[in-house]
Amino acid sequence: MIRRRKTIRFATRNVTLVHAATESLDLWCEVCGATVAMVTPGRAAEILMTNPRAIYRQVERGDVHFVEAGGGEVLICSESLKAHTAG
């Protein structure tokens, strides 16, 4: 008796597409004591004409206000950015 073995292989691929929000999100800023437009670090970098890493350094120093969303995302208070754009 000859035994034959069949192997069936399935290949699957998961693709997750994430679109960054280009608009701001109005949230409460504890420091400002008001609901303000919050922006992503990337958008804050565009506003200040710098790079996102510089924004993260400002967050770490406490130079800008921020909130941390549930998934760990950081959103920057646009009102606190105004101090850096006023020349």
PDB file of N, CA and C in Angstrom:
ATOM      1  N   MET A   1       0.832  -1.172   0.000  1.00  0.00           N
ATOM      2  CA  MET A   1       0.000   0.000   0.000  1.00  0.00           C
ATOM      3  C   MET A   1       0.888   1.251   0.000  1.00  0.00           C
ATOM      4  N   ILE A   2       0.629   2.160  -0.920  1.00  0.00           N
ATOM      5  CA  ILE A   2       1.385   3.399  -1.046  1.00  0.00           C
ATOM      6  C   ILE A   2       0.584   4.529  -0.415  1.00  0.00           C
ATOM      7  N   ARG A   3       1.248   5.253   0.488  1.00  0.00           N
ATOM      8  CA  ARG A   3       0.593   6.410   1.118  1.00  0.00           C
ATOM      9  C   ARG A   3       1.049   7.684   0.427  1.00  0.00           C
ATOM     10  N   ARG A   4       0.123   8.511   0.106  1.00  0.00           N
ATOM     11  CA  ARG A   4       0.446   9.804  -0.493  1.00  0.00           C
ATOM     12  C   ARG A   4       0.059  10.896   0.480  1.00  0.00           C
ATOM     13  N   ARG A   5       0.934  11.820   0.566  1.00  0.00           N
ATOM     14  CA  ARG A   5       0.708  12.937   1.478  1.00  0.00           C
ATOM     15  C   ARG A   5       0.495  14.208   0.660  1.00  0.00           C
ATOM     16  N   LYS A   6      -0.572  14.912   0.961  1.00  0.00           N
ATOM     17  CA  LYS A   6      -0.851  16.174   0.293  1.00  0.00           C
ATOM     18  C   LYS A   6      -0.600  17.297   1.284  1.00  0.00           C
ATOM     19  N   THR A   7       0.106  18.278   0.809  1.00  0.00           N
ATOM     20  CA  THR A   7       0.347  19.464   1.625  1.00  0.00           C
ATOM     21  C   THR A   7      -0.331  20.646   0.965  1.00  0.00           C
ATOM     22  N   ILE A   8      -1.165  21.297   1.729  1.00  0.00           N
ATOM     23  CA  ILE A   8      -1.861  22.476   1.227  1.00  0.00           C
ATOM     24  C   ILE A   8      -1.386  23.664   2.053  1.00  0.00           C
ATOM     25  N   ARG A   9      -0.894  24.663   1.381  1.00  0.00           N
ATOM     26  CA  ARG A   9      -0.383  25.847   2.064  1.00  0.00           C
ATOM     27  C   ARG A   9      -1.219  27.051   1.675  1.00  0.00           C
ATOM     28  N   PHE A  10      -1.496  27.840   2.666  1.00  0.00           N
ATOM     29  CA  PHE A  10      -2.231  29.083   2.440  1.00  0.00           C
ATOM     30  C   PHE A  10      -1.332  30.241   2.815  1.00  0.00           C
ATOM     31  N   ALA A  11      -1.274  31.198   1.962  1.00  0.00           N
ATOM     32  CA  ALA A  11      -0.512  32.418   2.270  1.00  0.00           C
ATOM     33  C   ALA A  11      -1.507  33.557   2.426  1.00  0.00           C
ATOM     34  N   THR A  12      -1.390  34.233   3.528  1.00  0.00           N
ATOM     35  CA  THR A  12      -2.267  35.380   3.753  1.00  0.00           C
ATOM     36  C   THR A  12      -1.411  36.597   4.033  1.00  0.00           C
ATOM     37  N   ARG A  13      -1.946  37.713   3.740  1.00  0.00           N
ATOM     38  CA  ARG A  13      -1.225  38.960   3.980  1.00  0.00           C
ATOM     39  C   ARG A  13      -2.224  39.961   4.528  1.00  0.00           C
ATOM     40  N   ASN A  14      -1.878  40.539   5.651  1.00  0.00           N
ATOM     41  CA  ASN A  14      -2.716  41.580   6.233  1.00  0.00           C
ATOM     42  C   ASN A  14      -2.113  42.929   5.916  1.00  0.00           C
ATOM     43  N   VAL A  15      -2.941  43.825   5.486  1.00  0.00           N
ATOM     44  CA  VAL A  15      -2.496  45.173   5.208  1.00  0.00           C
ATOM     45  C   VAL A  15      -3.357  46.121   6.023  1.00  0.00           C
ATOM     46  N   THR A  16      -2.706  46.951   6.801  1.00  0.00           N
ATOM     47  CA  THR A  16      -3.418  47.955   7.577  1.00  0.00           C
ATOM     48  C   THR A  16      -3.064  49.303   7.002  1.00  0.00           C
ATOM     49  N   LEU A  17      -4.065  50.039   6.638  1.00  0.00           N
ATOM     50  CA  LEU A  17      -3.867  51.347   6.046  1.00  0.00           C
ATOM     51  C   LEU A  17      -4.265  52.400   7.072  1.00  0.00           C
ATOM     52  N   VAL A  18      -3.341  53.254   7.391  1.00  0.00           N
ATOM     53  CA  VAL A  18      -3.602  54.292   8.381  1.00  0.00           C
ATOM     54  C   VAL A  18      -3.392  55.635   7.716  1.00  0.00           C
ATOM     55  N   HIS A  19      -4.361  56.488   7.843  1.00  0.00           N
ATOM     56  CA  HIS A  19      -4.265  57.833   7.301  1.00  0.00           C
ATOM     57  C   HIS A  19      -4.126  58.810   8.452  1.00  0.00           C
ATOM     58  N   ALA A  20      -3.104  59.629   8.425  1.00  0.00           N
ATOM     59  CA  ALA A  20      -2.919  60.632   9.457  1.00  0.00           C
ATOM     60  C   ALA A  20      -3.948  61.738   9.273  1.00  0.00           C
ATOM     61  N   ALA A  21      -4.471  62.191  10.375  1.00  0.00           N
ATOM     62  CA  ALA A  21      -5.445  63.280  10.311  1.00  0.00           C
ATOM     63  C   ALA A  21      -4.724  64.572   9.936  1.00  0.00           C
ATOM     64  N   THR A  22      -5.255  65.242   8.941  1.00  0.00           N
ATOM     65  CA  THR A  22      -4.659  66.513   8.544  1.00  0.00           C
ATOM     66  C   THR A  22      -5.328  67.669   9.272  1.00  0.00           C
ATOM     67  N   GLU A  23      -6.489  67.409   9.823  1.00  0.00           N
ATOM     68  CA  GLU A  23      -7.213  68.435  10.556  1.00  0.00           C
ATOM     69  C   GLU A  23      -6.846  68.343  12.031  1.00  0.00           C
ATOM     70  N   SER A  24      -7.163  69.394  12.748  1.00  0.00           N
ATOM     71  CA  SER A  24      -6.921  69.379  14.178  1.00  0.00           C
ATOM     72  C   SER A  24      -8.109  68.736  14.885  1.00  0.00           C
ATOM     73  N   LEU A  25      -7.910  68.435  16.135  1.00  0.00           N
ATOM     74  CA  LEU A  25      -8.936  67.826  16.965  1.00  0.00           C
ATOM     75  C   LEU A  25      -9.103  68.709  18.187  1.00  0.00           C
ATOM     76  N   ASP A  26     -10.306  69.156  18.465  1.00  0.00           N
ATOM     77  CA  ASP A  26     -10.542  70.024  19.616  1.00  0.00           C
ATOM     78  C   ASP A  26     -10.650  69.186  20.881  1.00  0.00           C
ATOM     79  N   LEU A  27      -9.714  69.408  21.796  1.00  0.00           N
ATOM     80  CA  LEU A  27      -9.678  68.698  23.072  1.00  0.00           C
ATOM     81  C   LEU A  27      -9.376  69.677  24.195  1.00  0.00           C
ATOM     82  N   TRP A  28      -9.599  69.235  25.417  1.00  0.00           N
ATOM     83  CA  TRP A  28      -9.324  70.042  26.590  1.00  0.00           C
ATOM     84  C   TRP A  28      -7.827  70.056  26.875  1.00  0.00           C
ATOM     85  N   CYS A  29      -7.266  71.251  27.045  1.00  0.00           N
ATOM     86  CA  CYS A  29      -5.866  71.399  27.452  1.00  0.00           C
ATOM     87  C   CYS A  29      -5.873  71.801  28.922  1.00  0.00           C
ATOM     88  N   GLU A  30      -5.303  70.960  29.759  1.00  0.00           N
ATOM     89  CA  GLU A  30      -5.269  71.228  31.200  1.00  0.00           C
ATOM     90  C   GLU A  30      -4.533  72.526  31.520  1.00  0.00           C
ATOM     91  N   VAL A  31      -3.444  72.788  30.827  1.00  0.00           N
ATOM     92  CA  VAL A  31      -2.624  73.962  31.116  1.00  0.00           C
ATOM     93  C   VAL A  31      -3.344  75.245  30.705  1.00  0.00           C
ATOM     94  N   CYS A  32      -3.942  75.231  29.509  1.00  0.00           N
ATOM     95  CA  CYS A  32      -4.678  76.403  29.026  1.00  0.00           C
ATOM     96  C   CYS A  32      -6.006  76.580  29.756  1.00  0.00           C
ATOM     97  N   GLY A  33      -6.547  75.482  30.253  1.00  0.00           N
ATOM     98  CA  GLY A  33      -7.851  75.529  30.901  1.00  0.00           C
ATOM     99  C   GLY A  33      -8.971  75.785  29.916  1.00  0.00           C
ATOM    100  N   ALA A  34      -8.817  75.289  28.704  1.00  0.00           N
ATOM    101  CA  ALA A  34      -9.807  75.520  27.660  1.00  0.00           C
ATOM    102  C   ALA A  34      -9.756  74.404  26.628  1.00  0.00           C
ATOM    103  N   THR A  35     -10.800  74.329  25.836  1.00  0.00           N
ATOM    104  CA  THR A  35     -10.814  73.418  24.701  1.00  0.00           C
ATOM    105  C   THR A  35     -10.092  74.107  23.560  1.00  0.00           C
ATOM    106  N   VAL A  36      -9.053  73.464  23.059  1.00  0.00           N
ATOM    107  CA  VAL A  36      -8.223  74.053  22.004  1.00  0.00           C
ATOM    108  C   VAL A  36      -7.992  73.036  20.899  1.00  0.00           C
ATOM    109  N   ALA A  37      -7.510  73.511  19.774  1.00  0.00           N
ATOM    110  CA  ALA A  37      -7.155  72.625  18.667  1.00  0.00           C
ATOM    111  C   ALA A  37      -5.857  71.901  19.010  1.00  0.00           C
ATOM    112  N   MET A  38      -5.898  70.586  18.953  1.00  0.00           N
ATOM    113  CA  MET A  38      -4.719  69.761  19.183  1.00  0.00           C
ATOM    114  C   MET A  38      -4.263  69.219  17.828  1.00  0.00           C
ATOM    115  N   VAL A  39      -2.961  69.212  17.612  1.00  0.00           N
ATOM    116  CA  VAL A  39      -2.405  68.740  16.345  1.00  0.00           C
ATOM    117  C   VAL A  39      -1.372  67.655  16.600  1.00  0.00           C
ATOM    118  N   THR A  40      -1.099  66.882  15.581  1.00  0.00           N
ATOM    119  CA  THR A  40      -0.090  65.824  15.687  1.00  0.00           C
ATOM    120  C   THR A  40       1.305  66.463  15.745  1.00  0.00           C
ATOM    121  N   PRO A  41       2.288  65.742  16.256  1.00  0.00           N
ATOM    122  CA  PRO A  41       3.649  66.271  16.245  1.00  0.00           C
ATOM    123  C   PRO A  41       4.136  66.610  14.833  1.00  0.00           C
ATOM    124  N   GLY A  42       3.718  65.836  13.846  1.00  0.00           N
ATOM    125  CA  GLY A  42       4.097  66.127  12.458  1.00  0.00           C
ATOM    126  C   GLY A  42       3.536  67.450  11.986  1.00  0.00           C
ATOM    127  N   ARG A  43       2.267  67.694  12.312  1.00  0.00           N
ATOM    128  CA  ARG A  43       1.641  68.966  11.922  1.00  0.00           C
ATOM    129  C   ARG A  43       2.258  70.123  12.703  1.00  0.00           C
ATOM    130  N   ALA A  44       2.548  69.915  13.988  1.00  0.00           N
ATOM    131  CA  ALA A  44       3.200  70.953  14.790  1.00  0.00           C
ATOM    132  C   ALA A  44       4.564  71.294  14.192  1.00  0.00           C
ATOM    133  N   ALA A  45       5.274  70.281  13.708  1.00  0.00           N
ATOM    134  CA  ALA A  45       6.580  70.514  13.083  1.00  0.00           C
ATOM    135  C   ALA A  45       6.426  71.347  11.826  1.00  0.00           C
ATOM    136  N   GLU A  46       5.369  71.098  11.054  1.00  0.00           N
ATOM    137  CA  GLU A  46       5.112  71.906   9.852  1.00  0.00           C
ATOM    138  C   GLU A  46       4.822  73.355  10.228  1.00  0.00           C
ATOM    139  N   ILE A  47       4.036  73.548  11.273  1.00  0.00           N
ATOM    140  CA  ILE A  47       3.689  74.902  11.711  1.00  0.00           C
ATOM    141  C   ILE A  47       4.939  75.675  12.122  1.00  0.00           C
ATOM    142  N   LEU A  48       5.828  75.007  12.859  1.00  0.00           N
ATOM    143  CA  LEU A  48       7.045  75.670  13.345  1.00  0.00           C
ATOM    144  C   LEU A  48       8.213  75.551  12.364  1.00  0.00           C
ATOM    145  N   MET A  49       7.968  74.922  11.218  1.00  0.00           N
ATOM    146  CA  MET A  49       8.998  74.712  10.203  1.00  0.00           C
ATOM    147  C   MET A  49      10.237  74.040  10.788  1.00  0.00           C
ATOM    148  N   THR A  50      10.009  72.910  11.437  1.00  0.00           N
ATOM    149  CA  THR A  50      11.075  72.114  12.030  1.00  0.00           C
ATOM    150  C   THR A  50      10.761  70.640  11.762  1.00  0.00           C
ATOM    151  N   ASN A  51      11.312  69.752  12.553  1.00  0.00           N
ATOM    152  CA  ASN A  51      11.030  68.329  12.367  1.00  0.00           C
ATOM    153  C   ASN A  51      10.321  67.772  13.606  1.00  0.00           C
ATOM    154  N   PRO A  52       9.642  66.634  13.473  1.00  0.00           N
ATOM    155  CA  PRO A  52       8.905  66.074  14.603  1.00  0.00           C
ATOM    156  C   PRO A  52       9.780  65.801  15.831  1.00  0.00           C
ATOM    157  N   ARG A  53      11.032  65.425  15.630  1.00  0.00           N
ATOM    158  CA  ARG A  53      11.911  65.155  16.774  1.00  0.00           C
ATOM    159  C   ARG A  53      12.089  66.412  17.626  1.00  0.00           C
ATOM    160  N   ALA A  54      12.202  67.575  16.979  1.00  0.00           N
ATOM    161  CA  ALA A  54      12.316  68.838  17.722  1.00  0.00           C
ATOM    162  C   ALA A  54      11.057  69.091  18.539  1.00  0.00           C
ATOM    163  N   ILE A  55       9.911  68.716  17.997  1.00  0.00           N
ATOM    164  CA  ILE A  55       8.647  68.868  18.734  1.00  0.00           C
ATOM    165  C   ILE A  55       8.643  67.965  19.957  1.00  0.00           C
ATOM    166  N   TYR A  56       9.086  66.719  19.787  1.00  0.00           N
ATOM    167  CA  TYR A  56       9.148  65.806  20.930  1.00  0.00           C
ATOM    168  C   TYR A  56      10.098  66.326  22.014  1.00  0.00           C
ATOM    169  N   ARG A  57      11.185  66.959  21.607  1.00  0.00           N
ATOM    170  CA  ARG A  57      12.101  67.552  22.591  1.00  0.00           C
ATOM    171  C   ARG A  57      11.398  68.674  23.358  1.00  0.00           C
ATOM    172  N   GLN A  58      10.586  69.476  22.647  1.00  0.00           N
ATOM    173  CA  GLN A  58       9.842  70.547  23.313  1.00  0.00           C
ATOM    174  C   GLN A  58       8.816  69.970  24.291  1.00  0.00           C
ATOM    175  N   VAL A  59       8.204  68.852  23.916  1.00  0.00           N
ATOM    176  CA  VAL A  59       7.264  68.177  24.816  1.00  0.00           C
ATOM    177  C   VAL A  59       7.999  67.721  26.071  1.00  0.00           C
ATOM    178  N   GLU A  60       9.172  67.097  25.893  1.00  0.00           N
ATOM    179  CA  GLU A  60       9.944  66.593  27.026  1.00  0.00           C
ATOM    180  C   GLU A  60      10.398  67.716  27.956  1.00  0.00           C
ATOM    181  N   ARG A  61      10.715  68.884  27.402  1.00  0.00           N
ATOM    182  CA  ARG A  61      11.137  70.034  28.210  1.00  0.00           C
ATOM    183  C   ARG A  61       9.958  70.765  28.838  1.00  0.00           C
ATOM    184  N   GLY A  62       8.751  70.492  28.352  1.00  0.00           N
ATOM    185  CA  GLY A  62       7.582  71.186  28.857  1.00  0.00           C
ATOM    186  C   GLY A  62       7.354  72.527  28.182  1.00  0.00           C
ATOM    187  N   ASP A  63       7.976  72.737  27.026  1.00  0.00           N
ATOM    188  CA  ASP A  63       7.832  73.999  26.297  1.00  0.00           C
ATOM    189  C   ASP A  63       6.477  74.128  25.613  1.00  0.00           C
ATOM    190  N   VAL A  64       5.844  73.010  25.295  1.00  0.00           N
ATOM    191  CA  VAL A  64       4.521  73.026  24.666  1.00  0.00           C
ATOM    192  C   VAL A  64       3.586  72.143  25.490  1.00  0.00           C
ATOM    193  N   HIS A  65       2.309  72.457  25.436  1.00  0.00           N
ATOM    194  CA  HIS A  65       1.298  71.659  26.124  1.00  0.00           C
ATOM    195  C   HIS A  65       0.952  70.471  25.242  1.00  0.00           C
ATOM    196  N   PHE A  66       0.556  69.374  25.861  1.00  0.00           N
ATOM    197  CA  PHE A  66       0.203  68.185  25.079  1.00  0.00           C
ATOM    198  C   PHE A  66      -0.760  67.313  25.867  1.00  0.00           C
ATOM    199  N   VAL A  67      -1.422  66.434  25.163  1.00  0.00           N
ATOM    200  CA  VAL A  67      -2.213  65.369  25.773  1.00  0.00           C
ATOM    201  C   VAL A  67      -1.758  64.065  25.146  1.00  0.00           C
ATOM    202  N   GLU A  68      -1.885  63.009  25.910  1.00  0.00           N
ATOM    203  CA  GLU A  68      -1.543  61.694  25.398  1.00  0.00           C
ATOM    204  C   GLU A  68      -2.834  60.928  25.208  1.00  0.00           C
ATOM    205  N   ALA A  69      -3.102  60.519  23.983  1.00  0.00           N
ATOM    206  CA  ALA A  69      -4.328  59.795  23.661  1.00  0.00           C
ATOM    207  C   ALA A  69      -4.236  58.369  24.196  1.00  0.00           C
ATOM    208  N   GLY A  70      -5.351  57.676  24.177  1.00  0.00           N
ATOM    209  CA  GLY A  70      -5.428  56.325  24.727  1.00  0.00           C
ATOM    210  C   GLY A  70      -4.426  55.356  24.144  1.00  0.00           C
ATOM    211  N   GLY A  71      -4.111  55.471  22.868  1.00  0.00           N
ATOM    212  CA  GLY A  71      -3.169  54.560  22.226  1.00  0.00           C
ATOM    213  C   GLY A  71      -1.722  54.993  22.363  1.00  0.00           C
ATOM    214  N   GLY A  72      -1.463  56.032  23.154  1.00  0.00           N
ATOM    215  CA  GLY A  72      -0.102  56.515  23.340  1.00  0.00           C
ATOM    216  C   GLY A  72       0.294  57.613  22.381  1.00  0.00           C
ATOM    217  N   GLU A  73      -0.623  58.003  21.492  1.00  0.00           N
ATOM    218  CA  GLU A  73      -0.323  59.079  20.562  1.00  0.00           C
ATOM    219  C   GLU A  73      -0.278  60.402  21.305  1.00  0.00           C
ATOM    220  N   VAL A  74       0.634  61.258  20.915  1.00  0.00           N
ATOM    221  CA  VAL A  74       0.775  62.572  21.534  1.00  0.00           C
ATOM    222  C   VAL A  74       0.127  63.606  20.619  1.00  0.00           C
ATOM    223  N   LEU A  75      -0.678  64.483  21.208  1.00  0.00           N
ATOM    224  CA  LEU A  75      -1.276  65.591  20.477  1.00  0.00           C
ATOM    225  C   LEU A  75      -0.834  66.886  21.139  1.00  0.00           C
ATOM    226  N   ILE A  76      -0.442  67.849  20.320  1.00  0.00           N
ATOM    227  CA  ILE A  76       0.136  69.105  20.787  1.00  0.00           C
ATOM    228  C   ILE A  76      -0.915  70.202  20.781  1.00  0.00           C
ATOM    229  N   CYS A  77      -0.941  70.991  21.848  1.00  0.00           N
ATOM    230  CA  CYS A  77      -1.846  72.136  21.964  1.00  0.00           C
ATOM    231  C   CYS A  77      -1.388  73.228  20.997  1.00  0.00           C
ATOM    232  N   SER A  78      -2.271  73.591  20.074  1.00  0.00           N
ATOM    233  CA  SER A  78      -1.892  74.603  19.084  1.00  0.00           C
ATOM    234  C   SER A  78      -1.721  75.980  19.715  1.00  0.00           C
ATOM    235  N   GLU A  79      -2.406  76.233  20.827  1.00  0.00           N
ATOM    236  CA  GLU A  79      -2.249  77.528  21.508  1.00  0.00           C
ATOM    237  C   GLU A  79      -0.839  77.684  22.075  1.00  0.00           C
ATOM    238  N   SER A  80      -0.265  76.589  22.584  1.00  0.00           N
ATOM    239  CA  SER A  80       1.095  76.675  23.116  1.00  0.00           C
ATOM    240  C   SER A  80       2.143  76.825  22.009  1.00  0.00           C
ATOM    241  N   LEU A  81       1.773  76.464  20.793  1.00  0.00           N
ATOM    242  CA  LEU A  81       2.689  76.656  19.660  1.00  0.00           C
ATOM    243  C   LEU A  81       2.786  78.118  19.266  1.00  0.00           C
ATOM    244  N   LYS A  82       1.739  78.897  19.547  1.00  0.00           N
ATOM    245  CA  LYS A  82       1.721  80.305  19.148  1.00  0.00           C
ATOM    246  C   LYS A  82       2.863  81.090  19.768  1.00  0.00           C
ATOM    247  N   ALA A  83       3.282  80.736  20.961  1.00  0.00           N
ATOM    248  CA  ALA A  83       4.404  81.410  21.611  1.00  0.00           C
ATOM    249  C   ALA A  83       5.692  81.218  20.826  1.00  0.00           C
ATOM    250  N   HIS A  84       5.790  80.100  20.107  1.00  0.00           N
ATOM    251  CA  HIS A  84       6.989  79.811  19.332  1.00  0.00           C
ATOM    252  C   HIS A  84       6.941  80.409  17.925  1.00  0.00           C
ATOM    253  N   THR A  85       5.728  80.745  17.457  1.00  0.00           N
ATOM    254  CA  THR A  85       5.625  81.329  16.113  1.00  0.00           C
ATOM    255  C   THR A  85       5.631  82.851  16.149  1.00  0.00           C
ATOM    256  N   ALA A  86       5.328  83.421  17.305  1.00  0.00           N
ATOM    257  CA  ALA A  86       5.354  84.887  17.408  1.00  0.00           C
ATOM    258  C   ALA A  86       6.799  85.340  17.373  1.00  0.00           C
ATOM    259  N   GLY A  87       7.077  86.273  16.514  1.00  0.00           N
ATOM    260  CA  GLY A  87       8.460  86.626  16.335  1.00  0.00           C
ATOM    261  C   GLY A  87       8.790  87.957  16.731  1.00  0.00           C
TER     262      GLY A  87
END
